[in-house]
Amino acid sequence: MLEQIISPVAEWIKDFISQAGYAAVVVTMAIESFNIPLPSEIIMPFSGFLVFEGRFTLWGATLAGAVGNLIGSIANYFLGYYGGRPFIEKYGKYFLIKKHELDMADRFFGKYGEATVLFTRMMPIIRTFISLPAGISRMNFWRFCILTFIGAIPWCYFLTWVGLKFGENLDTFKKYWHVFDYIVILAILAGIIYWIVKARSHRNNKNNTP
């Protein structure tokens, strides 16, 4: 069941990237790095699958992903540089930036300094938003670019390698495909329960506020 739903979408993504080549990897990764929910966990593994098919090279896809990450991060950097914290707090919702995500990035940057730009590139959420406090603090632009690009390479390489290995072991994965049906169903149920609990908690807090 799940395979019937996912396969057409997977084929569309794979075809899009394969038709546009490395440029599609750059563009989609740039979009992901500019706060748009287009996960690199989808983009790069599919690029890795195309490595398996011989359409990409492992390092070609990795570098394309890192370049895209840099482009999107630069856009975020300048958003922080010229907008500042007040602008982002006021208009961040239009850029899909949530205050708690910005606060998290601020804490990391405040605690670890400029090195955060390098080592958070493999961390969920933080890797996207860390460019904002870097811009707000007016970190040296070229140092920001170098650390961002270097930090993006291991993440892009790892995800591309995962896609490559998936292609090499596709027959083995297919044998256990039905297991993913149950995992996805449980994840959806967990998400619904979490949303209900969070909504009730928010409503209760609001009602208890004098």
Protein backbone atom coordinates (compact mmCIF):
# COMPACT_ATOMS: atom_id res chain seq x y z
CA MET A 1 0.00 0.00 0.00
CA LEU A 2 2.63 2.51 1.08
CA GLU A 3 4.84 1.57 -1.86
CA GLN A 4 1.98 2.35 -4.26
CA ILE A 5 1.65 5.83 -2.76
CA ILE A 6 5.34 6.65 -2.42
CA SER A 7 6.62 5.22 -5.71
CA PRO A 8 4.97 7.80 -8.04
CA VAL A 9 6.19 10.68 -5.85
CA ALA A 10 9.66 9.15 -5.62
CA GLU A 11 9.78 8.69 -9.38
CA TRP A 12 8.72 12.31 -9.94
CA ILE A 13 11.44 13.64 -7.64
CA LYS A 14 14.04 11.36 -9.18
CA ASP A 15 13.01 12.35 -12.71
CA PHE A 16 13.04 16.05 -11.84
CA ILE A 17 16.56 15.89 -10.44
CA SER A 18 17.83 13.58 -13.20
CA GLN A 19 16.42 15.81 -15.96
CA ALA A 20 17.84 19.04 -14.57
CA GLY A 21 21.03 17.40 -13.36
CA TYR A 22 23.24 18.89 -10.69
CA ALA A 23 21.49 22.26 -11.10
CA ALA A 24 18.31 20.74 -9.63
CA VAL A 25 20.26 19.55 -6.59
CA VAL A 26 21.69 23.05 -6.13
CA VAL A 27 18.29 24.72 -6.46
CA THR A 28 16.38 22.33 -4.19
CA MET A 29 19.06 22.40 -1.51
CA ALA A 30 19.13 26.20 -1.67
CA ILE A 31 15.37 26.23 -1.12
CA GLU A 32 15.72 23.87 1.85
CA SER A 33 18.45 26.04 3.37
CA PHE A 34 16.24 29.12 3.11
CA ASN A 35 13.70 27.77 5.60
CA ILE A 36 11.39 26.17 3.01
CA PRO A 37 10.34 22.64 4.15
CA LEU A 38 11.93 20.69 1.33
CA PRO A 39 14.02 18.20 3.32
CA SER A 40 17.58 17.45 2.34
CA GLU A 41 16.79 13.97 3.68
CA ILE A 42 14.79 13.48 0.48
CA ILE A 43 16.87 15.48 -2.00
CA MET A 44 20.29 14.01 -1.34
CA PRO A 45 19.34 10.32 -1.02
CA PHE A 46 17.58 10.53 -4.37
CA SER A 47 20.72 12.09 -5.77
CA GLY A 48 22.57 9.12 -4.30
CA PHE A 49 20.17 6.76 -6.05
CA LEU A 50 21.07 8.49 -9.31
CA VAL A 51 24.72 7.86 -8.45
CA PHE A 52 23.80 4.17 -8.29
CA GLU A 53 22.18 4.49 -11.73
CA GLY A 54 25.34 6.11 -13.09
CA ARG A 55 23.76 9.53 -13.76
CA PHE A 56 25.64 11.37 -11.01
CA THR A 57 28.94 10.87 -9.26
CA LEU A 58 29.10 10.65 -5.48
CA TRP A 59 31.26 13.74 -5.13
CA GLY A 60 29.43 15.61 -7.87
CA ALA A 61 26.11 15.25 -6.04
CA THR A 62 27.76 16.03 -2.70
CA LEU A 63 29.32 19.26 -3.93
CA ALA A 64 26.11 20.30 -5.70
CA GLY A 65 24.24 19.83 -2.43
CA ALA A 66 26.86 21.80 -0.49
CA VAL A 67 26.73 24.66 -3.01
CA GLY A 68 22.94 24.76 -2.74
CA ASN A 69 23.22 24.76 1.04
CA LEU A 70 25.63 27.68 0.85
CA ILE A 71 23.35 29.72 -1.43
CA GLY A 72 20.32 29.28 0.82
CA SER A 73 22.41 29.98 3.91
CA ILE A 74 23.74 33.21 2.37
CA ALA A 75 20.15 34.35 1.81
CA ASN A 76 19.43 33.65 5.49
CA TYR A 77 22.64 35.39 6.51
CA PHE A 78 21.66 38.61 4.74
CA LEU A 79 18.13 38.35 6.11
CA GLY A 80 19.67 38.47 9.58
CA TYR A 81 22.37 41.00 8.61
CA TYR A 82 20.04 43.63 7.19
CA GLY A 83 16.84 42.77 9.02
CA GLY A 84 18.14 42.18 12.51
CA ARG A 85 16.37 40.35 15.30
CA PRO A 86 13.34 42.71 15.53
CA PHE A 87 12.62 42.35 11.81
CA ILE A 88 12.85 38.55 11.92
CA GLU A 89 10.63 38.32 15.01
CA LYS A 90 8.03 40.53 13.34
CA TYR A 91 8.12 39.17 9.80
CA GLY A 92 9.76 35.77 10.29
CA LYS A 93 6.45 33.95 9.84
CA TYR A 94 6.46 35.02 6.21
CA PHE A 95 9.80 33.24 5.80
CA LEU A 96 8.54 30.19 7.74
CA ILE A 97 10.74 31.11 10.70
CA LYS A 98 9.33 30.33 14.13
CA LYS A 99 10.46 32.26 17.19
CA HIS A 100 11.46 29.17 19.18
CA GLU A 101 13.62 28.00 16.26
CA LEU A 102 15.34 31.38 16.13
CA ASP A 103 15.81 31.28 19.91
CA MET A 104 17.39 27.84 19.65
CA ALA A 105 19.81 29.02 16.96
CA ASP A 106 20.63 32.11 19.03
CA ARG A 107 21.48 29.99 22.07
CA PHE A 108 23.82 27.75 20.08
CA PHE A 109 25.52 30.70 18.43
CA GLY A 110 25.82 32.57 21.71
CA LYS A 111 27.33 29.55 23.46
CA TYR A 112 29.72 28.25 20.82
CA GLY A 113 30.33 31.31 18.66
CA GLU A 114 31.22 31.23 14.99
CA ALA A 115 32.24 27.57 15.12
CA THR A 116 28.51 26.82 15.38
CA VAL A 117 28.17 27.63 11.68
CA LEU A 118 30.48 24.69 10.97
CA PHE A 119 29.42 21.91 13.34
CA THR A 120 25.64 22.36 13.33
CA ARG A 121 25.21 21.56 9.63
CA MET A 122 24.30 17.97 10.49
CA MET A 123 21.81 18.91 13.21
CA PRO A 124 18.06 19.03 12.50
CA ILE A 125 16.45 22.51 12.53
CA ILE A 126 19.61 24.25 13.75
CA ARG A 127 21.46 23.70 10.47
CA THR A 128 18.86 25.79 8.64
CA PHE A 129 18.44 28.64 11.11
CA ILE A 130 22.00 29.07 12.39
CA SER A 131 22.72 31.45 9.50
CA LEU A 132 20.31 34.01 10.98
CA PRO A 133 22.22 34.76 14.21
CA ALA A 134 25.43 34.70 12.18
CA GLY A 135 24.03 37.50 10.06
CA ILE A 136 22.53 39.35 13.02
CA SER A 137 25.91 39.34 14.79
CA ARG A 138 27.53 40.46 11.51
CA MET A 139 29.96 37.57 11.37
CA ASN A 140 32.63 38.02 8.71
CA PHE A 141 30.89 37.08 5.46
CA TRP A 142 33.71 35.12 3.83
CA ARG A 143 34.46 33.18 7.01
CA PHE A 144 30.75 32.39 7.22
CA CYS A 145 30.76 31.09 3.61
CA ILE A 146 33.83 28.92 4.13
CA LEU A 147 32.57 27.35 7.36
CA THR A 148 29.09 26.83 5.91
CA PHE A 149 30.40 25.10 2.79
CA ILE A 150 32.82 22.87 4.71
CA GLY A 151 30.17 22.00 7.27
CA ALA A 152 27.63 21.07 4.60
CA ILE A 153 29.90 18.57 2.84
CA PRO A 154 29.74 15.71 5.44
CA TRP A 155 25.94 15.95 5.66
CA CYS A 156 25.45 15.99 1.89
CA TYR A 157 27.99 13.20 1.43
CA PHE A 158 26.37 11.01 4.07
CA LEU A 159 22.84 11.38 2.67
CA THR A 160 24.08 10.79 -0.88
CA TRP A 161 25.94 7.68 0.29
CA VAL A 162 22.74 6.42 1.96
CA GLY A 163 20.89 6.80 -1.34
CA LEU A 164 23.67 4.99 -3.16
CA LYS A 165 23.59 2.09 -0.71
CA PHE A 166 19.81 1.97 -0.96
CA GLY A 167 20.13 1.52 -4.72
CA GLU A 168 22.76 -1.18 -4.33
CA ASN A 169 20.53 -3.11 -1.91
CA LEU A 170 17.14 -2.32 -3.41
CA ASP A 171 16.04 -5.97 -3.65
CA THR A 172 16.78 -6.50 0.04
CA PHE A 173 14.80 -3.41 1.04
CA LYS A 174 11.81 -4.50 -1.01
CA LYS A 175 11.52 -7.71 1.02
CA TYR A 176 10.88 -5.67 4.16
CA TRP A 177 8.89 -2.85 2.55
CA HIS A 178 5.68 -3.81 4.40
CA VAL A 179 7.40 -2.99 7.69
CA PHE A 180 7.55 0.66 6.66
CA ASP A 181 3.73 0.66 6.32
CA TYR A 182 3.40 0.04 10.07
CA ILE A 183 6.13 2.53 10.92
CA VAL A 184 4.45 5.31 8.94
CA ILE A 185 1.02 4.51 10.42
CA LEU A 186 2.45 4.63 13.95
CA ALA A 187 4.25 7.89 13.17
CA ILE A 188 1.02 9.44 11.88
CA LEU A 189 -0.90 8.30 14.98
CA ALA A 190 1.85 9.62 17.25
CA GLY A 191 1.72 12.95 15.42
CA ILE A 192 -2.05 13.19 15.83
CA ILE A 193 -1.85 12.36 19.54
CA TYR A 194 0.94 14.90 20.03
CA TRP A 195 -1.08 17.59 18.22
CA ILE A 196 -4.18 16.89 20.34
CA VAL A 197 -2.22 16.96 23.61
CA LYS A 198 -0.41 20.15 22.62
CA ALA A 199 -3.66 21.84 21.53
CA ARG A 200 -5.37 20.93 24.83
CA SER A 201 -2.37 22.12 26.84
CA HIS A 202 -2.35 25.42 24.98
CA ARG A 203 -6.08 25.87 25.51
CA ASN A 204 -5.80 25.05 29.22
CA ASN A 205 -2.93 27.52 29.66
CA LYS A 206 -4.93 30.18 27.88
CA ASN A 207 -7.96 29.55 30.06
CA ASN A 208 -5.86 29.69 33.23
CA THR A 209 -4.24 32.98 32.27
CA PRO A 210 -5.79 35.80 34.36
